């Protein structure tokens, strides 16, 4: 009898076309499953989505950082961080099954899967654990998907429980209005590691977010508004004044 085949880990690329681009003299591959999708329209032209936001992240995320991508979607920010910011490890959270397929394909095509912790794909974050959720996603915008409680198969977990004391140097948070609950569930991780945070905040959450910054001694260093319904903020821990000797 012949030897049994060795089990191997593989990534199944969804039905798609692949675009190869050259960005800053680096080859970058984008998976296109829906050319009408808001982000994939940019990828189809060989460009990253939200270049202004990516530039802010580039200025504040040093090489060899542990990068936590909360709301990784199809990997636009993740691939940029891994290929061009040279982060040493990326921890991804993304609940949308359709986006996860494209995310995994993009990571594999760009040869960066080995730098990623993908244990939490299929899960969202909140300030409490819950099951029985599903995604509501517009046809042309995977990134605008929202989790709803309707007896589905998805779940949310608490960030502090998931990370369990793991080091985090930089957090990117894009969770379609759930940012305050996500921050609450990460209170211990943030207090311990004091990561730099790039976060999209919905307009109705501005007051709560500013209150969170004050309560947690974070200061806003940069902000960028692309859409009228939300704004992106780059916040860092406030530097404590040196006491006089």
Protein backbone atom coordinates (compact mmCIF):
# COMPACT_ATOMS: atom_id res chain seq x y z
CA UNK A 1 0.00 0.00 0.00
CA UNK A 2 1.21 3.50 -0.76
CA UNK A 3 1.78 6.15 1.83
CA UNK A 4 -1.14 8.27 2.88
CA UNK A 5 -1.06 11.79 1.50
CA UNK A 6 0.23 14.42 3.88
CA UNK A 7 -2.39 16.94 5.00
CA UNK A 8 -1.51 20.44 3.88
CA UNK A 9 -2.99 23.81 4.68
CA UNK A 10 -4.23 25.56 1.56
CA UNK A 11 -6.17 28.67 0.63
CA UNK A 12 -9.01 28.26 -1.83
CA UNK A 13 -9.20 31.33 -4.03
CA UNK A 14 -12.84 32.28 -4.75
CA UNK A 15 -14.06 32.58 -8.33
CA UNK A 16 -12.42 35.82 -9.35
CA UNK A 17 -9.92 37.58 -11.50
CA UNK A 18 -6.57 38.70 -10.14
CA UNK A 19 -5.04 42.09 -10.83
CA UNK A 20 -1.29 42.51 -10.59
CA UNK A 21 -0.03 46.01 -9.88
CA UNK A 22 3.36 47.51 -9.12
CA UNK A 23 3.28 49.94 -6.20
CA UNK A 24 6.48 51.56 -4.93
CA UNK A 25 8.38 48.97 -7.01
CA UNK A 26 6.64 46.12 -5.18
CA UNK A 27 4.29 43.67 -6.91
CA UNK A 28 0.83 43.70 -5.33
CA UNK A 29 -1.99 41.31 -6.19
CA UNK A 30 -5.69 42.09 -5.75
CA UNK A 31 -8.55 39.57 -5.84
CA UNK A 32 -11.60 40.86 -7.69
CA UNK A 33 -14.87 38.98 -7.12
CA UNK A 34 -17.22 41.95 -7.52
CA UNK A 35 -15.94 44.81 -9.68
CA UNK A 36 -18.87 46.97 -8.51
CA UNK A 37 -17.78 46.77 -4.88
CA UNK A 38 -16.60 50.10 -3.45
CA UNK A 39 -13.12 48.83 -2.54
CA UNK A 40 -12.65 46.33 -5.35
CA UNK A 41 -13.30 49.05 -7.94
CA UNK A 42 -10.03 50.64 -6.79
CA UNK A 43 -8.24 47.28 -6.65
CA UNK A 44 -9.37 46.54 -10.21
CA UNK A 45 -7.44 49.63 -11.31
CA UNK A 46 -4.35 48.47 -9.42
CA UNK A 47 -4.74 50.91 -6.54
CA UNK A 48 -5.20 50.63 -2.81
CA UNK A 49 -8.45 52.06 -1.41
CA UNK A 50 -8.35 55.10 0.92
CA UNK A 51 -4.76 56.22 0.19
CA UNK A 52 -5.03 59.23 2.52
CA UNK A 53 -5.95 56.99 5.44
CA UNK A 54 -3.15 54.57 4.58
CA UNK A 55 -0.67 57.46 4.54
CA UNK A 56 -1.74 58.48 8.05
CA UNK A 57 -1.22 54.90 9.22
CA UNK A 58 2.19 54.82 7.51
CA UNK A 59 3.31 57.90 9.46
CA UNK A 60 2.39 56.39 12.82
CA UNK A 61 2.96 52.63 12.52
CA UNK A 62 6.68 51.78 12.79
CA UNK A 63 8.25 48.63 11.34
CA UNK A 64 8.16 45.46 13.46
CA UNK A 65 4.89 46.47 15.10
CA UNK A 66 2.18 44.01 16.09
CA UNK A 67 -0.79 45.31 14.08
CA UNK A 68 -4.35 44.45 15.10
CA UNK A 69 -6.81 44.84 12.21
CA UNK A 70 -10.35 44.99 13.61
CA UNK A 71 -12.71 44.96 10.66
CA UNK A 72 -10.16 43.65 8.17
CA UNK A 73 -12.76 43.32 5.38
CA UNK A 74 -11.00 42.12 2.18
CA UNK A 75 -7.51 43.07 3.34
CA UNK A 76 -6.88 46.48 1.80
CA UNK A 77 -5.24 47.84 4.96
CA UNK A 78 -3.78 44.48 5.99
CA UNK A 79 -1.88 43.93 2.74
CA UNK A 80 -0.60 47.52 2.84
CA UNK A 81 0.63 47.14 6.41
CA UNK A 82 2.32 43.80 5.77
CA UNK A 83 4.00 44.70 2.49
CA UNK A 84 4.87 48.36 2.98
CA UNK A 85 4.98 49.02 6.73
CA UNK A 86 6.84 45.78 7.45
CA UNK A 87 4.78 44.94 10.51
CA UNK A 88 6.01 41.73 12.08
CA UNK A 89 2.59 40.25 12.89
CA UNK A 90 -1.01 41.03 12.02
CA UNK A 91 -4.02 39.89 14.06
CA UNK A 92 -7.20 40.00 11.97
CA UNK A 93 -10.84 40.20 13.04
CA UNK A 94 -13.53 40.01 10.36
CA UNK A 95 -17.01 38.46 10.70
CA UNK A 96 -18.26 38.67 7.09
CA UNK A 97 -17.85 35.25 5.38
CA UNK A 98 -17.90 36.76 1.87
CA UNK A 99 -15.19 39.28 2.75
CA UNK A 100 -13.13 36.58 4.49
CA UNK A 101 -12.79 34.59 1.25
CA UNK A 102 -11.37 37.61 -0.54
CA UNK A 103 -9.19 38.58 2.44
CA UNK A 104 -7.58 35.14 2.60
CA UNK A 105 -7.01 35.17 -1.16
CA UNK A 106 -5.35 38.59 -1.03
CA UNK A 107 -3.08 37.54 1.84
CA UNK A 108 -2.07 34.34 0.05
CA UNK A 109 -1.47 35.97 -3.33
CA UNK A 110 0.81 38.54 -1.70
CA UNK A 111 2.73 35.92 0.25
CA UNK A 112 1.97 37.34 3.71
CA UNK A 113 -0.36 34.73 5.23
CA UNK A 114 2.45 33.38 7.38
CA UNK A 115 2.68 36.70 9.22
CA UNK A 116 -1.02 36.67 10.14
CA UNK A 117 -3.02 35.37 13.09
CA UNK A 118 -6.30 34.41 11.43
CA UNK A 119 -7.91 32.52 14.33
CA UNK A 120 -10.61 35.15 14.73
CA UNK A 121 -11.92 35.27 11.19
CA UNK A 122 -15.66 34.76 11.34
CA UNK A 123 -15.95 36.66 14.61
CA UNK A 124 -16.75 40.27 15.39
CA UNK A 125 -15.82 42.23 18.51
CA UNK A 126 -18.03 43.89 21.09
CA UNK A 127 -18.12 44.59 24.84
CA UNK A 128 -19.94 41.30 25.46
CA UNK A 129 -20.11 37.88 23.83
CA UNK A 130 -23.18 37.04 21.74
CA UNK A 131 -24.26 34.43 19.19
CA UNK A 132 -27.04 34.13 16.63
CA UNK A 133 -25.89 37.01 14.42
CA UNK A 134 -25.66 37.47 10.67
CA UNK A 135 -24.41 40.10 8.24
CA UNK A 136 -26.46 42.67 6.37
CA UNK A 137 -24.30 43.76 3.44
CA UNK A 138 -25.10 46.18 0.59
CA UNK A 139 -24.57 44.65 -2.86
CA UNK A 140 -21.88 47.16 -3.83
CA UNK A 141 -20.07 47.67 -0.53
CA UNK A 142 -18.76 44.70 1.46
CA UNK A 143 -17.14 47.13 3.89
CA UNK A 144 -20.51 48.56 4.95
CA UNK A 145 -21.78 45.25 6.33
CA UNK A 146 -23.44 45.34 9.74
CA UNK A 147 -24.05 42.51 12.19
CA UNK A 148 -27.67 41.94 13.20
CA UNK A 149 -29.28 39.57 15.70
CA UNK A 150 -31.57 37.35 13.65
CA UNK A 151 -30.66 33.78 14.50
CA UNK A 152 -27.65 33.56 12.19
CA UNK A 153 -24.43 31.58 12.61
CA UNK A 154 -22.04 34.41 13.50
CA UNK A 155 -20.87 35.62 16.89
CA UNK A 156 -19.16 38.52 18.59
CA UNK A 157 -16.52 38.12 21.28
CA UNK A 158 -14.75 40.43 23.71
CA UNK A 159 -11.39 41.72 22.46
CA UNK A 160 -9.63 41.37 25.81
CA UNK A 161 -10.67 37.72 26.01
CA UNK A 162 -9.56 37.00 22.45
CA UNK A 163 -6.20 38.70 22.76
CA UNK A 164 -5.64 37.35 26.28
CA UNK A 165 -2.75 39.67 27.14
CA UNK A 166 -1.10 39.49 23.71
CA UNK A 167 1.06 42.46 22.74
CA UNK A 168 -0.54 44.98 20.40
CA UNK A 169 1.37 48.04 19.16
CA UNK A 170 -1.07 49.44 16.60
CA UNK A 171 -4.83 49.05 16.23
CA UNK A 172 -6.92 49.84 13.18
CA UNK A 173 -10.65 49.79 13.98
CA UNK A 174 -13.34 50.03 11.30
CA UNK A 175 -16.54 48.40 12.54
CA UNK A 176 -19.43 50.37 11.04
CA UNK A 177 -20.72 52.13 14.15
CA UNK A 178 -19.72 49.52 16.76
CA UNK A 179 -16.49 51.31 17.68
CA UNK A 180 -17.48 52.33 21.22
CA UNK A 181 -18.47 48.77 22.15
CA UNK A 182 -15.24 47.45 20.59
CA UNK A 183 -13.13 49.95 22.57
CA UNK A 184 -14.94 48.99 25.77
CA UNK A 185 -14.18 45.32 25.17
CA UNK A 186 -10.49 46.14 24.64
CA UNK A 187 -10.06 48.20 27.81
CA UNK A 188 -7.48 45.92 29.43
CA UNK A 189 -5.45 45.43 26.25
CA UNK A 190 -5.35 49.19 25.64
CA UNK A 191 -4.47 49.98 29.26
CA UNK A 192 -1.63 47.43 29.20
CA UNK A 193 -0.03 48.07 25.80
CA UNK A 194 -1.18 51.64 25.05
CA UNK A 195 -1.27 51.08 21.30
CA UNK A 196 -1.55 53.80 18.70
CA UNK A 197 -5.10 53.60 17.33
CA UNK A 198 -6.50 54.51 13.91
CA UNK A 199 -10.27 54.40 14.16
CA UNK A 200 -13.30 55.23 12.03
CA UNK A 201 -16.01 56.87 14.16
CA UNK A 202 -19.62 57.32 13.08
CA UNK A 203 -21.02 60.81 13.52
CA UNK A 204 -23.48 59.76 16.23
CA UNK A 205 -20.55 58.38 18.27
CA UNK A 206 -18.35 61.51 18.22
CA UNK A 207 -19.31 62.65 21.71
CA UNK A 208 -18.81 59.20 23.17
CA UNK A 209 -15.46 58.81 21.42
CA UNK A 210 -14.15 62.15 22.64
CA UNK A 211 -15.23 61.19 26.16
CA UNK A 212 -13.40 57.85 25.76
CA UNK A 213 -10.21 59.67 24.70
CA UNK A 214 -10.37 61.92 27.74
CA UNK A 215 -11.10 59.08 30.17
CA UNK A 216 -8.28 56.93 28.76
CA UNK A 217 -5.71 59.72 28.32
CA UNK A 218 -5.54 59.50 24.52
CA UNK A 219 -4.98 62.53 22.32
CA UNK A 220 -6.01 63.09 18.71
CA UNK A 221 -2.98 63.63 16.47
CA UNK A 222 -4.60 63.43 13.02
CA UNK A 223 -8.09 63.21 11.57
CA UNK A 224 -9.43 62.71 8.07
CA UNK A 225 -13.03 62.93 6.85
CA UNK A 226 -13.88 61.13 3.61
CA UNK A 227 -17.62 60.71 4.06
CA UNK A 228 -20.18 62.95 5.83
CA UNK A 229 -21.38 60.13 8.10
CA UNK A 230 -18.06 59.37 9.80
CA UNK A 231 -14.48 60.49 10.37
CA UNK A 232 -11.13 58.77 10.89
CA UNK A 233 -8.98 59.61 13.91
CA UNK A 234 -5.37 58.76 14.74
CA UNK A 235 -4.96 58.80 18.52
CA UNK A 236 -1.98 58.11 20.76
CA UNK A 237 -1.51 57.86 24.53
CA UNK A 238 -0.82 61.22 26.14
CA UNK A 239 2.74 61.60 27.31
CA UNK A 240 2.86 62.08 31.05
CA UNK A 241 4.82 65.18 32.06
CA UNK A 242 8.18 64.55 33.68
CA UNK A 243 8.06 65.50 37.35
CA UNK A 244 10.50 68.14 38.55
CA UNK A 245 13.36 66.76 40.57
